[in-house]
Protein backbone atom coordinates (compact mmCIF):
# COMPACT_ATOMS: atom_id res chain seq x y z
CA MET A 1 8.52 -28.55 119.68
CA SER A 2 9.81 -26.38 122.48
CA GLU A 3 9.61 -22.62 122.28
CA ARG A 4 12.91 -20.80 121.86
CA PRO A 5 13.90 -18.58 124.81
CA GLU A 6 14.38 -14.83 124.49
CA LEU A 7 17.95 -13.69 124.11
CA VAL A 8 18.28 -11.15 126.93
CA TYR A 9 21.13 -8.76 127.73
CA ALA A 10 22.18 -10.68 130.86
CA ASP A 11 22.82 -13.77 128.70
CA LEU A 12 25.07 -11.88 126.29
CA GLN A 13 28.37 -12.20 128.11
CA LEU A 14 31.50 -10.80 126.48
CA GLY A 15 33.10 -13.59 124.45
CA LYS A 16 29.89 -15.63 124.17
CA GLU A 17 30.05 -17.77 121.04
CA PHE A 18 26.86 -18.98 119.45
CA GLU A 19 26.41 -22.39 117.89
CA PRO A 20 27.57 -22.27 114.23
CA PHE A 21 24.72 -21.51 111.85
CA HIS A 22 24.59 -23.22 108.47
CA PHE A 23 22.99 -21.24 105.65
CA SER A 24 22.40 -22.54 102.14
CA ALA A 25 22.67 -19.95 99.38
CA ASP A 26 20.80 -22.27 97.03
CA LYS A 27 19.01 -21.04 93.92
CA GLU A 28 15.57 -20.93 95.58
CA THR A 29 16.86 -18.88 98.54
CA VAL A 30 18.74 -16.45 96.28
CA ASP A 31 15.75 -16.10 93.92
CA ARG A 32 13.39 -15.33 96.83
CA PHE A 33 15.88 -12.79 98.20
CA LEU A 34 16.23 -11.13 94.78
CA GLU A 35 12.45 -10.89 94.54
CA ALA A 36 12.21 -9.38 98.03
CA ILE A 37 14.79 -6.68 97.31
CA ASP A 38 13.60 -6.17 93.72
CA GLU A 39 17.01 -6.97 92.24
CA GLY A 40 15.96 -9.68 89.80
CA SER A 41 16.92 -7.51 86.85
CA SER A 42 20.69 -8.06 87.20
CA PRO A 43 21.56 -11.14 85.14
CA ILE A 44 24.80 -11.85 87.03
CA TYR A 45 22.63 -13.31 89.79
CA GLN A 46 20.83 -15.84 87.59
CA ASN A 47 22.57 -16.26 84.24
CA VAL A 48 25.63 -18.51 83.98
CA SER A 49 26.95 -16.94 80.77
CA VAL A 50 26.76 -13.43 82.26
CA ALA A 51 28.54 -14.64 85.41
CA GLU A 52 31.20 -16.25 83.19
CA SER A 53 31.68 -12.95 81.32
CA TRP A 54 32.57 -11.43 84.71
CA GLY A 55 35.08 -14.23 85.35
CA TYR A 56 32.92 -16.45 87.56
CA ASP A 57 31.97 -20.05 86.88
CA ARG A 58 28.41 -19.65 88.18
CA PRO A 59 25.93 -16.94 89.20
CA VAL A 60 26.63 -14.93 92.33
CA SER A 61 24.33 -13.85 95.13
CA PRO A 62 23.94 -10.21 96.20
CA HIS A 63 26.31 -9.45 99.07
CA SER A 64 23.37 -7.93 100.91
CA LEU A 65 22.26 -11.51 101.66
CA ALA A 66 24.75 -11.18 104.54
CA ALA A 67 22.23 -9.02 106.39
CA ILE A 68 19.93 -12.06 106.53
CA TYR A 69 22.33 -14.80 107.54
CA ALA A 70 24.19 -12.59 110.04
CA ARG A 71 21.06 -11.97 112.11
CA LEU A 72 19.92 -15.58 111.86
CA SER A 73 23.31 -16.75 113.12
CA TYR A 74 22.78 -15.50 116.66
CA LEU A 75 19.03 -16.02 116.76
CA LYS A 76 19.12 -19.67 115.67
CA ASN A 77 18.18 -20.94 119.13
CA TYR A 78 16.60 -17.74 120.51
CA THR A 79 13.96 -15.14 119.86
CA MET A 80 14.71 -11.44 119.87
CA PRO A 81 12.86 -9.48 122.55
CA GLY A 82 10.63 -6.78 121.10
CA GLY A 83 11.85 -3.19 121.13
CA GLY A 84 15.46 -3.65 120.04
CA ILE A 85 17.13 -1.05 117.84
CA LEU A 86 19.77 -1.71 115.19
CA ALA A 87 22.24 1.08 115.93
CA ARG A 88 24.91 0.18 113.38
CA GLN A 89 25.78 -2.55 110.92
CA GLU A 90 29.15 -2.86 109.20
CA PHE A 91 30.05 -5.27 106.41
CA GLN A 92 33.34 -6.54 105.03
CA PHE A 93 33.24 -8.84 102.02
CA PHE A 94 36.14 -11.07 101.09
CA ARG A 95 34.81 -13.05 98.13
CA PRO A 96 31.55 -13.54 96.26
CA ILE A 97 28.81 -15.78 97.55
CA PHE A 98 27.98 -18.11 94.69
CA VAL A 99 24.58 -19.62 94.12
CA GLY A 100 24.87 -23.08 95.65
CA ASP A 101 27.37 -22.14 98.35
CA GLU A 102 26.92 -23.60 101.81
CA LEU A 103 27.82 -20.96 104.39
CA ILE A 104 28.91 -21.42 107.99
CA CYS A 105 28.31 -18.40 110.22
CA ARG A 106 30.01 -18.03 113.59
CA ALA A 107 28.63 -15.28 115.82
CA LYS A 108 30.36 -13.93 118.90
CA VAL A 109 29.66 -11.13 121.39
CA VAL A 110 32.69 -8.83 121.11
CA ASP A 111 31.50 -5.89 123.21
CA LYS A 112 28.68 -4.81 125.49
CA PHE A 113 28.27 -1.54 127.31
CA LEU A 114 25.84 0.97 128.76
CA LYS A 115 25.48 4.39 127.16
CA LYS A 116 22.87 6.94 128.23
CA GLU A 117 21.19 4.18 130.25
CA ARG A 118 20.78 1.98 127.16
CA LYS A 119 22.17 -1.54 126.82
CA TYR A 120 24.41 -1.96 123.78
CA VAL A 121 25.68 -5.24 122.37
CA VAL A 122 28.19 -5.71 119.55
CA ILE A 123 28.12 -9.05 117.75
CA GLU A 124 30.56 -10.10 115.04
CA VAL A 125 29.57 -12.74 112.54
CA ASN A 126 32.39 -14.41 110.61
CA THR A 127 31.15 -16.41 107.63
CA THR A 128 33.02 -18.96 105.54
CA ASN A 129 31.93 -21.04 102.57
CA GLN A 130 31.97 -24.82 102.23
CA ASP A 131 35.71 -24.65 101.40
CA GLU A 132 36.37 -22.73 104.64
CA GLN A 133 37.23 -19.59 102.67
CA PRO A 134 36.25 -16.31 104.36
CA VAL A 135 33.16 -14.77 102.77
CA SER A 136 32.18 -11.92 105.06
CA LEU A 137 32.52 -10.26 108.43
CA VAL A 138 29.43 -8.50 109.74
CA ARG A 139 29.58 -6.35 112.86
CA ILE A 140 26.20 -5.57 114.39
CA THR A 141 25.71 -2.98 117.13
CA ALA A 142 22.28 -3.13 118.72
CA ILE A 143 20.48 -1.49 121.60
CA TRP A 144 19.09 -4.46 123.52
CA PRO A 145 15.58 -4.06 124.91
CA LYS A 146 15.87 -6.24 128.01
């Protein structure tokens, strides 16, 4: 298996689109995420009857799962150089992520600039579900280390 290259600032050209990233919000993934963020106590994430009482046909995933798949979407084929700083992260949610959804994340460099001698990159990640319905838009602003 070949080692993934570092994603460096020079490679992040304005308009660069990354290969679509497929993310499965299956029960195991959602359960592990809930355990990691200590949110397993909310039954809407795991109990069908509770989800139905909220008007859903199946359990939902926490929207904060977007923080995971957004970052993975542009690092699928790369590694992140050490020393980067997350300067800002904005989220827009359009519909719930249901347990069992198959997500498609499309990441694109929408801005890059220098400020106080630091290299900034802005990446937008548009995510749809298996029915091509918009799920989320995540906008990440990072100070790139090299």
